[in-house]
N, C-alpha and C. Protein backbone atom coordinates (compact mmCIF):
# COMPACT_ATOMS: atom_id res chain seq x y z
N MET A 1 0.79 -1.17 0.49
CA MET A 1 0.22 -0.11 -0.04
C MET A 1 0.69 1.43 0.23
N SER A 2 0.57 2.13 -1.16
CA SER A 2 1.73 3.29 -1.06
C SER A 2 0.94 4.58 0.03
N SER A 3 1.68 5.27 -0.15
CA SER A 3 1.36 6.50 1.04
C SER A 3 1.27 8.04 -0.06
N GLN A 4 0.01 8.57 0.11
CA GLN A 4 -0.46 9.85 -0.64
C GLN A 4 -0.38 10.69 0.39
N ASP A 5 0.21 12.14 0.10
CA ASP A 5 -0.33 13.19 0.85
C ASP A 5 -1.88 13.31 0.04
N LEU A 6 -2.81 14.08 0.68
CA LEU A 6 -3.63 15.11 0.52
C LEU A 6 -3.61 16.21 1.33
N TYR A 7 -3.85 17.20 0.34
CA TYR A 7 -4.26 18.55 0.86
C TYR A 7 -6.05 18.92 1.77
N ALA A 8 -6.69 19.06 2.43
CA ALA A 8 -7.66 20.43 2.60
C ALA A 8 -7.46 21.22 3.76
N ASP A 9 -8.18 22.49 3.75
CA ASP A 9 -8.34 23.63 3.82
C ASP A 9 -9.23 23.16 5.19
N GLY A 10 -9.84 21.94 5.59
CA GLY A 10 -10.55 21.31 6.97
C GLY A 10 -11.47 20.70 7.17
N ILE A 11 -11.99 20.09 7.83
CA ILE A 11 -13.18 19.15 7.69
C ILE A 11 -14.63 20.37 7.81
N GLY A 12 -14.98 19.77 6.80
CA GLY A 12 -16.43 19.81 6.42
C GLY A 12 -17.50 18.98 7.31
N GLU A 13 -18.20 18.26 6.88
CA GLU A 13 -19.05 17.42 7.73
C GLU A 13 -18.92 16.26 8.42
N ILE A 14 -19.05 15.34 9.59
CA ILE A 14 -18.64 14.65 10.46
C ILE A 14 -19.82 13.59 10.81
N THR A 15 -20.39 12.63 10.71
CA THR A 15 -21.31 11.99 10.49
C THR A 15 -20.97 10.49 10.98
N LEU A 16 -22.14 9.80 11.20
CA LEU A 16 -21.36 8.14 11.77
C LEU A 16 -23.13 7.77 10.97
N SER A 17 -22.00 6.56 9.97
CA SER A 17 -23.24 5.97 9.02
C SER A 17 -22.99 4.70 9.11
N GLY A 18 -23.59 3.36 9.03
CA GLY A 18 -23.44 2.54 8.92
C GLY A 18 -22.39 1.73 9.91
N GLY A 19 -21.98 2.63 10.88
CA GLY A 19 -21.22 1.79 11.75
C GLY A 19 -19.65 2.59 11.82
N MET A 20 -19.91 3.64 10.70
CA MET A 20 -18.35 4.14 10.47
C MET A 20 -18.39 5.36 10.43
N VAL A 21 -17.40 6.52 10.78
CA VAL A 21 -17.29 7.68 11.12
C VAL A 21 -16.88 7.95 9.55
N ARG A 22 -17.76 8.80 8.93
CA ARG A 22 -16.97 9.51 7.52
C ARG A 22 -16.93 11.59 7.40
N MET A 23 -15.91 11.40 7.85
CA MET A 23 -14.99 12.84 7.75
C MET A 23 -14.93 13.53 6.33
N ASP A 24 -16.29 14.41 5.62
CA ASP A 24 -15.68 15.25 4.50
C ASP A 24 -14.65 16.05 4.68
N LEU A 25 -13.80 16.27 4.11
CA LEU A 25 -12.42 17.02 3.73
C LEU A 25 -12.80 18.18 2.85
N VAL A 26 -12.69 19.15 3.10
CA VAL A 26 -13.37 20.34 2.14
C VAL A 26 -11.79 21.19 1.55
N THR A 27 -11.95 21.98 0.98
CA THR A 27 -11.01 22.85 -0.07
C THR A 27 -12.07 23.87 -0.73
N LEU A 28 -11.22 25.18 -0.86
CA LEU A 28 -11.62 26.45 -1.08
C LEU A 28 -11.64 26.10 -2.51
N LYS A 29 -12.53 25.96 -3.28
CA LYS A 29 -12.85 26.48 -4.35
C LYS A 29 -13.72 27.42 -5.39
N GLY A 30 -13.46 27.87 -6.77
CA GLY A 30 -13.53 29.11 -7.24
C GLY A 30 -12.71 30.38 -8.00
N SER A 31 -13.43 30.96 -8.54
CA SER A 31 -12.07 32.32 -8.60
C SER A 31 -12.19 33.77 -8.15
N GLN A 32 -11.23 34.00 -7.45
CA GLN A 32 -10.81 34.97 -6.79
C GLN A 32 -11.23 36.38 -7.87
N SER A 33 -11.11 36.16 -9.03
CA SER A 33 -10.66 37.13 -10.05
C SER A 33 -12.02 37.60 -10.48
N LYS A 34 -12.79 37.10 -10.15
CA LYS A 34 -14.23 37.24 -11.06
C LYS A 34 -15.06 37.74 -9.57
N SER A 35 -15.26 39.47 -9.38
CA SER A 35 -16.04 39.78 -8.51
C SER A 35 -17.36 38.68 -7.92
N ASP A 36 -17.74 38.15 -8.69
CA ASP A 36 -19.87 37.97 -8.64
C ASP A 36 -19.14 36.93 -8.16
N GLU A 37 -18.31 36.04 -8.22
CA GLU A 37 -17.92 34.67 -8.00
C GLU A 37 -17.09 34.31 -6.70
N LYS A 38 -17.70 34.28 -5.47
CA LYS A 38 -16.70 33.85 -4.48
C LYS A 38 -16.37 32.56 -4.10
N PRO A 39 -15.57 32.88 -3.92
CA PRO A 39 -14.62 30.92 -3.32
C PRO A 39 -15.80 30.57 -2.42
N LYS A 40 -15.78 28.79 -2.35
CA LYS A 40 -16.74 28.19 -1.59
C LYS A 40 -15.68 27.06 -1.09
N LEU A 41 -16.10 26.65 0.14
CA LEU A 41 -16.04 25.29 0.68
C LEU A 41 -16.41 24.05 -0.34
N GLU A 42 -15.72 23.39 -1.25
CA GLU A 42 -16.25 22.13 -1.33
C GLU A 42 -15.49 20.77 -1.46
N VAL A 43 -16.49 19.61 -0.82
CA VAL A 43 -16.15 18.23 -0.64
C VAL A 43 -15.22 17.69 -1.58
N SER A 44 -13.54 17.86 -1.11
CA SER A 44 -12.45 16.80 -1.97
C SER A 44 -12.04 15.69 -1.62
N GLN A 45 -12.50 15.05 -0.89
CA GLN A 45 -12.15 13.89 -0.47
C GLN A 45 -13.00 13.24 0.63
N ARG A 46 -13.28 12.09 1.65
CA ARG A 46 -13.83 11.70 2.33
C ARG A 46 -13.21 10.93 2.71
N VAL A 47 -13.07 10.34 4.92
CA VAL A 47 -11.72 10.10 4.98
C VAL A 47 -13.23 8.88 5.84
N ILE A 48 -13.10 7.57 5.97
CA ILE A 48 -13.92 6.47 6.42
C ILE A 48 -13.44 6.25 7.12
N MET A 49 -13.57 5.77 8.68
CA MET A 49 -12.94 4.71 9.47
C MET A 49 -13.83 4.35 10.90
N PRO A 50 -13.53 3.19 11.70
CA PRO A 50 -13.99 2.66 11.98
C PRO A 50 -14.68 3.41 13.93
N PRO A 51 -15.31 3.85 14.16
CA PRO A 51 -15.08 4.79 15.46
C PRO A 51 -13.83 4.43 16.56
N ASP A 52 -13.64 3.80 16.61
CA ASP A 52 -12.17 3.32 17.72
C ASP A 52 -11.25 4.20 17.27
N GLY A 53 -10.85 3.95 15.56
CA GLY A 53 -9.97 4.76 15.18
C GLY A 53 -9.78 6.03 14.80
N PHE A 54 -11.34 6.61 15.09
CA PHE A 54 -11.89 7.55 15.09
C PHE A 54 -11.44 8.81 16.42
N LEU A 55 -11.94 7.94 17.28
CA LEU A 55 -11.10 8.24 18.74
C LEU A 55 -9.71 8.21 18.92
N ARG A 56 -9.06 7.67 18.45
CA ARG A 56 -7.32 7.27 18.71
C ARG A 56 -7.03 8.64 17.82
N SER A 57 -7.78 9.51 16.74
CA SER A 57 -7.38 10.15 15.94
C SER A 57 -7.69 11.81 16.81
N PHE A 58 -9.16 11.50 17.30
CA PHE A 58 -9.37 12.83 18.07
C PHE A 58 -8.68 12.82 19.06
N SER A 59 -8.32 11.62 19.68
CA SER A 59 -7.17 12.19 21.05
C SER A 59 -5.80 12.56 20.49
N ALA A 60 -5.12 12.37 19.21
CA ALA A 60 -3.96 12.69 18.91
C ALA A 60 -4.43 14.31 18.57
N MET A 61 -5.17 14.88 17.84
CA MET A 61 -5.74 16.32 17.48
C MET A 61 -5.59 16.93 19.23
N GLU A 62 -6.51 16.13 19.78
CA GLU A 62 -5.96 16.99 21.01
C GLU A 62 -4.77 17.40 21.47
N ASN A 63 -3.94 16.51 21.46
CA ASN A 63 -2.46 16.00 22.50
C ASN A 63 -1.93 17.13 21.03
N LEU A 64 -2.44 17.61 20.01
CA LEU A 64 -1.57 18.57 19.10
C LEU A 64 -2.03 20.19 19.62
N VAL A 65 -3.13 20.00 19.96
CA VAL A 65 -3.95 20.90 19.86
C VAL A 65 -3.12 21.71 21.27
N LYS A 66 -3.09 20.93 22.60
CA LYS A 66 -1.96 20.95 23.80
C LYS A 66 -0.65 21.74 23.27
N GLN A 67 -0.07 21.24 22.53
CA GLN A 67 1.08 21.31 21.93
C GLN A 67 1.28 22.83 21.29
N LEU A 68 0.44 23.05 20.86
CA LEU A 68 -0.07 24.71 19.64
C LEU A 68 -0.08 25.25 20.69
N ILE A 69 -0.82 25.28 21.75
CA ILE A 69 -1.09 26.18 23.00
C ILE A 69 0.00 26.04 23.84
N ASP A 70 0.40 25.49 23.85
CA ASP A 70 2.02 25.70 24.72
C ASP A 70 2.95 26.21 24.47
N ALA A 71 2.95 26.14 22.89
CA ALA A 71 4.00 26.82 21.64
C ALA A 71 3.74 28.41 21.41
N GLY A 72 2.58 28.29 22.00
CA GLY A 72 1.90 30.09 21.48
C GLY A 72 1.27 30.55 20.31
N LEU A 73 0.87 29.21 19.69
CA LEU A 73 0.85 29.51 17.90
C LEU A 73 -0.75 29.75 18.00
N VAL A 74 -1.07 29.25 19.08
CA VAL A 74 -3.05 29.13 18.88
C VAL A 74 -3.34 29.82 20.32
N LYS A 75 -4.51 30.24 20.87
CA LYS A 75 -4.76 30.66 22.03
C LYS A 75 -6.29 29.68 22.23
N PRO A 76 -6.67 29.50 23.15
CA PRO A 76 -8.07 28.91 23.42
C PRO A 76 -8.83 29.54 23.40
N ARG A 77 -10.25 28.93 23.09
CA ARG A 77 -11.24 30.14 22.86
C ARG A 77 -11.43 30.81 24.22
N ASP A 78 -11.35 30.32 24.98
CA ASP A 78 -11.90 31.42 26.18
C ASP A 78 -11.02 32.62 25.90
N GLN A 79 -9.47 32.43 25.51
CA GLN A 79 -8.70 33.27 25.77
C GLN A 79 -9.53 34.44 24.63
N GLN A 80 -9.41 33.88 23.51
CA GLN A 80 -9.80 34.62 22.26
C GLN A 80 -10.81 35.54 22.20
N ALA A 81 -11.77 34.67 23.27
CA ALA A 81 -12.99 35.70 23.33
C ALA A 81 -12.79 37.14 24.26
N SER A 82 -12.31 37.03 25.31
CA SER A 82 -11.60 37.63 26.24
C SER A 82 -11.19 38.96 25.59
N ALA A 83 -10.02 38.66 24.81
CA ALA A 83 -9.35 40.15 24.22
C ALA A 83 -9.89 40.13 22.67
N GLY A 84 -11.39 40.11 22.67
CA GLY A 84 -12.05 40.80 21.34
C GLY A 84 -11.76 39.88 20.40
N GLY A 85 -11.12 38.59 20.05
CA GLY A 85 -10.77 38.56 18.44
C GLY A 85 -11.91 37.68 18.01
N GLY A 86 -11.33 37.16 16.87
CA GLY A 86 -12.87 36.05 16.35
C GLY A 86 -12.78 36.91 15.01
N GLY A 87 -12.30 37.63 14.38
CA GLY A 87 -12.63 38.19 13.27
C GLY A 87 -12.01 37.90 11.94
N ALA A 88 -11.60 37.86 10.99
CA ALA A 88 -11.74 37.24 9.69
C ALA A 88 -10.17 36.49 9.69
N ASP A 89 -9.05 37.40 10.13
CA ASP A 89 -7.56 37.10 10.40
C ASP A 89 -7.04 36.97 11.68
N ALA A 90 -8.32 36.18 12.18
CA ALA A 90 -8.20 35.91 13.81
C ALA A 90 -7.49 34.64 13.76
N PRO A 91 -6.71 33.81 14.14
CA PRO A 91 -5.99 32.71 14.64
C PRO A 91 -6.65 31.94 14.90
N ALA A 92 -6.81 30.24 14.64
CA ALA A 92 -7.82 29.49 14.84
C ALA A 92 -7.83 29.14 16.24
N LYS A 93 -9.36 29.28 16.59
CA LYS A 93 -9.89 28.93 17.91
C LYS A 93 -9.87 27.35 18.59
N PHE A 94 -9.18 27.32 19.30
CA PHE A 94 -9.45 25.72 20.53
C PHE A 94 -9.85 26.01 21.75
């Protein structure tokens, strides 16, 4: 089995269907050169895994969020709200 890199701007919808967790990866699509056509997020890939695999992945993501906070790269949500953050150019909230 070969490895393949994927890029996504984020996760769209996460659902549980047929006993499997399904996560839609989304990317920004559209033209920025046309003023009437704003870019929008569209599903580009889907990740399907069993619930135990999803829980292990979630735990790994929580650990990474803690590392990002400790490194000062992002602020927790409660600090963002008290600092008046949340604009379009605000850093990610966790």
